[in-house]
């Protein structure tokens, strides 16, 4: 199963998974991390300690260019089967959880990004 990691400022990662669980029920194999009160080095060590080299891993982060994104990009460089997508939102989390067993890894990454864009609209 494709593993998911969400790295955000504050409690956003945890709250996104909580919201997804209210809609979908239990969400497995998605880990959440916050950069609150953590140096980038400490956060990197904590996140990378949960990853096996052979795992396919989608890392969702809140802000492109921010510290959480930088940590994700460092992990992407170290772990060859990891991909980072920035701008995480609830539609992306739901897309990941509901489609990760039916799509190949590269297709899932592209789909999660598209579904995140679809979740943003001027109505």
N, C-alpha and C. Protein backbone atom coordinates (compact mmCIF):
# COMPACT_ATOMS: atom_id res chain seq x y z
N UNK A 1 0.84 -1.19 0.00
CA UNK A 1 0.00 0.00 0.00
C UNK A 1 0.88 1.24 0.00
N UNK A 2 0.48 2.24 -0.74
CA UNK A 2 1.22 3.49 -0.82
C UNK A 2 1.03 4.27 0.48
N UNK A 3 2.14 4.68 1.06
CA UNK A 3 2.11 5.40 2.33
C UNK A 3 1.97 6.90 2.08
N UNK A 4 1.28 7.58 2.98
CA UNK A 4 1.13 9.02 2.90
C UNK A 4 1.71 9.69 4.13
N UNK A 5 2.38 10.79 3.91
CA UNK A 5 2.88 11.62 4.99
C UNK A 5 2.43 13.05 4.70
N UNK A 6 1.89 13.70 5.72
CA UNK A 6 1.47 15.10 5.60
C UNK A 6 2.30 15.91 6.59
N UNK A 7 3.00 16.92 6.07
CA UNK A 7 3.86 17.78 6.90
C UNK A 7 3.35 19.21 6.75
N UNK A 8 2.95 19.82 7.86
CA UNK A 8 2.37 21.16 7.80
C UNK A 8 2.80 22.00 9.00
N UNK A 9 2.52 23.28 8.88
CA UNK A 9 2.69 24.20 9.99
C UNK A 9 1.55 23.98 10.99
N UNK A 10 1.85 24.14 12.26
CA UNK A 10 0.83 24.02 13.29
C UNK A 10 0.18 22.65 13.30
N UNK A 11 -1.11 22.63 13.53
CA UNK A 11 -1.86 21.37 13.63
C UNK A 11 -2.60 21.02 12.34
N UNK A 12 -2.26 21.69 11.25
CA UNK A 12 -3.01 21.51 10.01
C UNK A 12 -3.01 20.07 9.51
N UNK A 13 -1.87 19.39 9.52
CA UNK A 13 -1.80 18.02 9.02
C UNK A 13 -2.75 17.11 9.80
N UNK A 14 -2.68 17.20 11.12
CA UNK A 14 -3.54 16.39 11.98
C UNK A 14 -5.01 16.70 11.72
N UNK A 15 -5.34 17.97 11.61
CA UNK A 15 -6.74 18.38 11.40
C UNK A 15 -7.26 17.93 10.04
N UNK A 16 -6.42 17.93 9.01
CA UNK A 16 -6.86 17.43 7.70
C UNK A 16 -7.21 15.95 7.77
N UNK A 17 -6.40 15.18 8.46
CA UNK A 17 -6.70 13.75 8.59
C UNK A 17 -7.95 13.55 9.45
N UNK A 18 -8.09 14.33 10.51
CA UNK A 18 -9.30 14.24 11.34
C UNK A 18 -10.55 14.54 10.51
N UNK A 19 -10.50 15.56 9.68
CA UNK A 19 -11.64 15.91 8.83
C UNK A 19 -11.92 14.79 7.83
N UNK A 20 -10.88 14.22 7.24
CA UNK A 20 -11.06 13.11 6.31
C UNK A 20 -11.70 11.92 7.01
N UNK A 21 -11.32 11.67 8.25
CA UNK A 21 -11.91 10.55 9.00
C UNK A 21 -13.39 10.80 9.30
N UNK A 22 -13.78 12.04 9.49
CA UNK A 22 -15.20 12.34 9.71
C UNK A 22 -16.03 12.01 8.48
N UNK A 23 -15.42 12.12 7.31
CA UNK A 23 -16.10 11.84 6.05
C UNK A 23 -16.00 10.38 5.66
N UNK A 24 -14.80 9.79 5.81
CA UNK A 24 -14.52 8.45 5.28
C UNK A 24 -14.50 7.34 6.32
N UNK A 25 -14.39 7.69 7.57
CA UNK A 25 -14.12 6.67 8.58
C UNK A 25 -12.61 6.60 8.80
N UNK A 26 -12.14 5.52 9.38
CA UNK A 26 -10.74 5.38 9.74
C UNK A 26 -9.80 5.56 8.54
N UNK A 27 -8.75 6.33 8.73
CA UNK A 27 -7.74 6.57 7.70
C UNK A 27 -6.44 5.93 8.16
N UNK A 28 -5.99 4.90 7.43
CA UNK A 28 -4.77 4.18 7.78
C UNK A 28 -3.61 4.60 6.89
N UNK A 29 -2.41 4.37 7.37
CA UNK A 29 -1.18 4.56 6.60
C UNK A 29 -0.99 6.00 6.12
N UNK A 30 -1.46 6.95 6.93
CA UNK A 30 -1.20 8.36 6.68
C UNK A 30 -0.65 8.93 7.99
N UNK A 31 0.60 9.35 7.95
CA UNK A 31 1.25 9.92 9.12
C UNK A 31 1.23 11.44 9.02
N UNK A 32 1.08 12.10 10.15
CA UNK A 32 1.05 13.56 10.17
C UNK A 32 2.20 14.10 11.01
N UNK A 33 2.76 15.21 10.55
CA UNK A 33 3.87 15.86 11.25
C UNK A 33 3.66 17.36 11.23
N UNK A 34 4.10 18.00 12.32
CA UNK A 34 4.04 19.45 12.44
C UNK A 34 5.46 19.98 12.65
N UNK A 35 5.71 21.16 12.13
CA UNK A 35 7.02 21.77 12.38
C UNK A 35 7.00 22.64 13.64
N UNK A 36 5.89 22.62 14.37
CA UNK A 36 5.77 23.40 15.60
C UNK A 36 6.91 23.06 16.56
N UNK A 37 7.63 24.08 17.01
CA UNK A 37 8.66 23.93 18.02
C UNK A 37 9.74 22.92 17.63
N UNK A 38 9.97 22.73 16.32
CA UNK A 38 11.00 21.78 15.87
C UNK A 38 11.94 22.47 14.89
N UNK A 39 13.21 22.17 15.04
CA UNK A 39 14.17 22.64 14.05
C UNK A 39 13.98 21.81 12.78
N UNK A 40 14.38 22.34 11.64
CA UNK A 40 14.29 21.54 10.41
C UNK A 40 15.03 20.21 10.52
N UNK A 41 16.17 20.21 11.19
CA UNK A 41 16.94 18.97 11.35
C UNK A 41 16.17 17.94 12.18
N UNK A 42 15.56 18.40 13.25
CA UNK A 42 14.79 17.48 14.11
C UNK A 42 13.57 16.95 13.38
N UNK A 43 12.89 17.81 12.63
CA UNK A 43 11.72 17.36 11.88
C UNK A 43 12.12 16.36 10.81
N UNK A 44 13.21 16.64 10.10
CA UNK A 44 13.70 15.70 9.09
C UNK A 44 14.00 14.34 9.71
N UNK A 45 14.68 14.34 10.85
CA UNK A 45 15.02 13.08 11.52
C UNK A 45 13.76 12.32 11.92
N UNK A 46 12.78 13.05 12.44
CA UNK A 46 11.54 12.40 12.87
C UNK A 46 10.79 11.79 11.69
N UNK A 47 10.65 12.55 10.62
CA UNK A 47 9.91 12.06 9.45
C UNK A 47 10.67 10.93 8.77
N UNK A 48 11.94 11.12 8.50
CA UNK A 48 12.71 10.10 7.76
C UNK A 48 12.82 8.80 8.55
N UNK A 49 12.73 8.88 9.86
CA UNK A 49 12.78 7.68 10.70
C UNK A 49 11.58 6.76 10.53
N UNK A 50 10.54 7.25 9.88
CA UNK A 50 9.32 6.43 9.69
C UNK A 50 9.26 5.79 8.30
N UNK A 51 10.30 6.00 7.49
CA UNK A 51 10.25 5.59 6.08
C UNK A 51 11.22 4.44 5.81
N UNK A 52 10.76 3.48 5.01
CA UNK A 52 11.63 2.41 4.51
C UNK A 52 11.99 2.75 3.06
N UNK A 53 13.21 2.46 2.67
CA UNK A 53 13.72 2.82 1.33
C UNK A 53 12.83 2.33 0.21
N UNK A 54 12.26 1.15 0.34
CA UNK A 54 11.51 0.55 -0.76
C UNK A 54 10.05 1.02 -0.84
N UNK A 55 9.60 1.80 0.12
CA UNK A 55 8.20 2.24 0.13
C UNK A 55 7.90 3.28 -0.94
N UNK A 56 6.73 3.16 -1.54
CA UNK A 56 6.19 4.25 -2.34
C UNK A 56 5.53 5.21 -1.37
N UNK A 57 5.86 6.48 -1.49
CA UNK A 57 5.49 7.44 -0.47
C UNK A 57 5.09 8.76 -1.11
N UNK A 58 3.88 9.22 -0.79
CA UNK A 58 3.44 10.54 -1.21
C UNK A 58 3.50 11.47 -0.01
N UNK A 59 4.25 12.55 -0.16
CA UNK A 59 4.40 13.55 0.89
C UNK A 59 3.60 14.78 0.49
N UNK A 60 2.62 15.13 1.29
CA UNK A 60 1.80 16.31 1.06
C UNK A 60 2.23 17.39 2.05
N UNK A 61 2.49 18.58 1.54
CA UNK A 61 2.93 19.69 2.40
C UNK A 61 2.05 20.90 2.16
N UNK A 62 2.05 21.82 3.11
CA UNK A 62 1.14 22.95 3.01
C UNK A 62 1.64 24.09 2.12
N UNK A 63 2.89 24.44 2.18
CA UNK A 63 3.35 25.67 1.55
C UNK A 63 4.63 25.44 0.74
N UNK A 64 4.52 25.58 -0.55
CA UNK A 64 5.69 25.43 -1.42
C UNK A 64 6.76 26.46 -1.03
N UNK A 65 7.97 25.99 -0.84
CA UNK A 65 9.07 26.86 -0.47
C UNK A 65 9.27 27.01 1.03
N UNK A 66 8.30 26.60 1.83
CA UNK A 66 8.42 26.70 3.29
C UNK A 66 9.27 25.56 3.86
N UNK A 67 9.47 25.60 5.18
CA UNK A 67 10.28 24.57 5.83
C UNK A 67 9.71 23.17 5.66
N UNK A 68 8.40 23.02 5.73
CA UNK A 68 7.80 21.69 5.56
C UNK A 68 8.08 21.16 4.15
N UNK A 69 7.98 22.03 3.17
CA UNK A 69 8.28 21.66 1.78
C UNK A 69 9.75 21.27 1.64
N UNK A 70 10.63 22.04 2.27
CA UNK A 70 12.07 21.73 2.20
C UNK A 70 12.36 20.36 2.79
N UNK A 71 11.73 20.05 3.90
CA UNK A 71 11.91 18.73 4.51
C UNK A 71 11.42 17.66 3.53
N UNK A 72 10.25 17.87 2.95
CA UNK A 72 9.72 16.92 1.97
C UNK A 72 10.67 16.71 0.81
N UNK A 73 11.26 17.79 0.30
CA UNK A 73 12.19 17.69 -0.82
C UNK A 73 13.47 16.96 -0.42
N UNK A 74 13.93 17.15 0.80
CA UNK A 74 15.10 16.40 1.28
C UNK A 74 14.80 14.91 1.33
N UNK A 75 13.61 14.57 1.79
CA UNK A 75 13.20 13.16 1.84
C UNK A 75 13.08 12.61 0.42
N UNK A 76 12.50 13.39 -0.48
CA UNK A 76 12.36 12.97 -1.87
C UNK A 76 13.73 12.66 -2.48
N UNK A 77 14.75 13.42 -2.12
CA UNK A 77 16.09 13.17 -2.64
C UNK A 77 16.71 11.91 -2.05
N UNK A 78 16.42 11.64 -0.78
CA UNK A 78 17.02 10.47 -0.12
C UNK A 78 16.28 9.18 -0.45
N UNK A 79 14.98 9.26 -0.60
CA UNK A 79 14.16 8.07 -0.81
C UNK A 79 13.65 8.10 -2.25
N UNK A 80 14.14 7.21 -3.09
CA UNK A 80 13.85 7.27 -4.53
C UNK A 80 12.39 7.06 -4.91
N UNK A 81 11.59 6.51 -4.01
CA UNK A 81 10.19 6.24 -4.34
C UNK A 81 9.25 7.22 -3.65
N UNK A 82 9.75 8.41 -3.32
CA UNK A 82 8.95 9.44 -2.66
C UNK A 82 8.71 10.60 -3.62
N UNK A 83 7.52 11.19 -3.51
CA UNK A 83 7.15 12.38 -4.29
C UNK A 83 6.51 13.39 -3.36
N UNK A 84 6.74 14.67 -3.63
CA UNK A 84 6.19 15.76 -2.83
C UNK A 84 5.18 16.54 -3.66
N UNK A 85 4.02 16.82 -3.06
CA UNK A 85 3.02 17.70 -3.66
C UNK A 85 2.70 18.77 -2.62
N UNK A 86 2.78 20.04 -3.01
CA UNK A 86 2.51 21.13 -2.08
C UNK A 86 1.09 21.65 -2.25
N UNK A 87 0.66 22.45 -1.26
CA UNK A 87 -0.68 23.03 -1.29
C UNK A 87 -1.75 22.09 -0.78
N UNK A 88 -1.41 21.22 0.14
CA UNK A 88 -2.35 20.19 0.60
C UNK A 88 -3.67 20.81 1.04
N UNK A 89 -4.75 20.14 0.65
CA UNK A 89 -6.10 20.52 1.09
C UNK A 89 -6.91 19.25 1.32
N UNK A 90 -8.10 19.39 1.85
CA UNK A 90 -8.92 18.22 2.18
C UNK A 90 -9.25 17.37 0.96
N UNK A 91 -9.58 17.94 -0.20
CA UNK A 91 -9.81 17.09 -1.37
C UNK A 91 -8.61 16.22 -1.74
N UNK A 92 -7.40 16.73 -1.53
CA UNK A 92 -6.20 15.94 -1.82
C UNK A 92 -6.09 14.76 -0.87
N UNK A 93 -6.35 14.98 0.40
CA UNK A 93 -6.25 13.91 1.39
C UNK A 93 -7.30 12.84 1.09
N UNK A 94 -8.52 13.25 0.80
CA UNK A 94 -9.58 12.29 0.48
C UNK A 94 -9.23 11.53 -0.79
N UNK A 95 -8.73 12.21 -1.79
CA UNK A 95 -8.32 11.56 -3.04
C UNK A 95 -7.26 10.51 -2.77
N UNK A 96 -6.25 10.86 -2.01
CA UNK A 96 -5.18 9.92 -1.69
C UNK A 96 -5.71 8.68 -1.00
N UNK A 97 -6.50 8.88 0.02
CA UNK A 97 -7.00 7.75 0.82
C UNK A 97 -7.91 6.84 0.00
N UNK A 98 -8.74 7.41 -0.84
CA UNK A 98 -9.72 6.60 -1.58
C UNK A 98 -9.18 5.98 -2.86
N UNK A 99 -8.06 6.49 -3.37
CA UNK A 99 -7.56 6.01 -4.67
C UNK A 99 -6.22 5.30 -4.61
N UNK A 100 -5.57 5.26 -3.46
CA UNK A 100 -4.21 4.71 -3.40
C UNK A 100 -4.13 3.22 -3.66
N UNK A 101 -5.22 2.50 -3.46
CA UNK A 101 -5.20 1.06 -3.71
C UNK A 101 -5.58 0.72 -5.14
N UNK A 102 -6.13 1.67 -5.88
CA UNK A 102 -6.59 1.36 -7.24
C UNK A 102 -5.72 1.98 -8.34
N UNK A 103 -4.80 2.87 -7.98
CA UNK A 103 -3.97 3.53 -8.99
C UNK A 103 -2.50 3.20 -8.77
N UNK A 104 -1.76 3.15 -9.87
CA UNK A 104 -0.31 3.03 -9.77
C UNK A 104 0.24 4.31 -9.15
N UNK A 105 1.42 4.23 -8.58
CA UNK A 105 1.98 5.34 -7.81
C UNK A 105 2.03 6.65 -8.60
N UNK A 106 2.63 6.65 -9.77
CA UNK A 106 2.77 7.89 -10.55
C UNK A 106 1.40 8.46 -10.93
N UNK A 107 0.47 7.59 -11.25
CA UNK A 107 -0.89 8.03 -11.60
C UNK A 107 -1.58 8.62 -10.37
N UNK A 108 -1.36 8.01 -9.22
CA UNK A 108 -1.95 8.52 -7.98
C UNK A 108 -1.43 9.92 -7.67
N UNK A 109 -0.13 10.11 -7.80
CA UNK A 109 0.46 11.43 -7.53
C UNK A 109 -0.20 12.49 -8.41
N UNK A 110 -0.31 12.22 -9.69
CA UNK A 110 -0.92 13.18 -10.63
C UNK A 110 -2.40 13.40 -10.31
N UNK A 111 -3.10 12.34 -9.94
CA UNK A 111 -4.53 12.44 -9.63
C UNK A 111 -4.76 13.26 -8.37
N UNK A 112 -3.96 13.02 -7.34
CA UNK A 112 -4.10 13.78 -6.09
C UNK A 112 -3.88 15.27 -6.35
N UNK A 113 -2.88 15.60 -7.16
CA UNK A 113 -2.65 17.01 -7.48
C UNK A 113 -3.85 17.60 -8.23
N UNK A 114 -4.35 16.89 -9.23
CA UNK A 114 -5.52 17.38 -9.99
C UNK A 114 -6.74 17.55 -9.09
N UNK A 115 -6.98 16.56 -8.22
CA UNK A 115 -8.14 16.64 -7.33
C UNK A 115 -8.00 17.81 -6.36
N UNK A 116 -6.79 18.12 -5.95
CA UNK A 116 -6.57 19.30 -5.12
C UNK A 116 -6.94 20.58 -5.84
N UNK A 117 -6.57 20.67 -7.12
CA UNK A 117 -6.94 21.84 -7.94
C UNK A 117 -8.45 21.92 -8.12
N UNK A 118 -9.08 20.77 -8.36
CA UNK A 118 -10.54 20.75 -8.56
C UNK A 118 -11.29 21.22 -7.32
N UNK A 119 -10.67 21.05 -6.16
CA UNK A 119 -11.31 21.45 -4.91
C UNK A 119 -11.28 22.96 -4.68
N UNK A 120 -10.63 23.68 -5.56
CA UNK A 120 -10.53 25.14 -5.44
C UNK A 120 -11.33 25.76 -6.58
N UNK A 121 -12.34 26.54 -6.24
CA UNK A 121 -13.19 27.12 -7.29
C UNK A 121 -13.82 28.42 -6.79
N UNK A 122 -14.04 29.30 -7.72
CA UNK A 122 -14.81 30.51 -7.46
C UNK A 122 -16.24 30.21 -7.88
N UNK A 123 -17.12 30.08 -6.91
CA UNK A 123 -18.51 29.70 -7.20
C UNK A 123 -19.43 30.90 -7.25
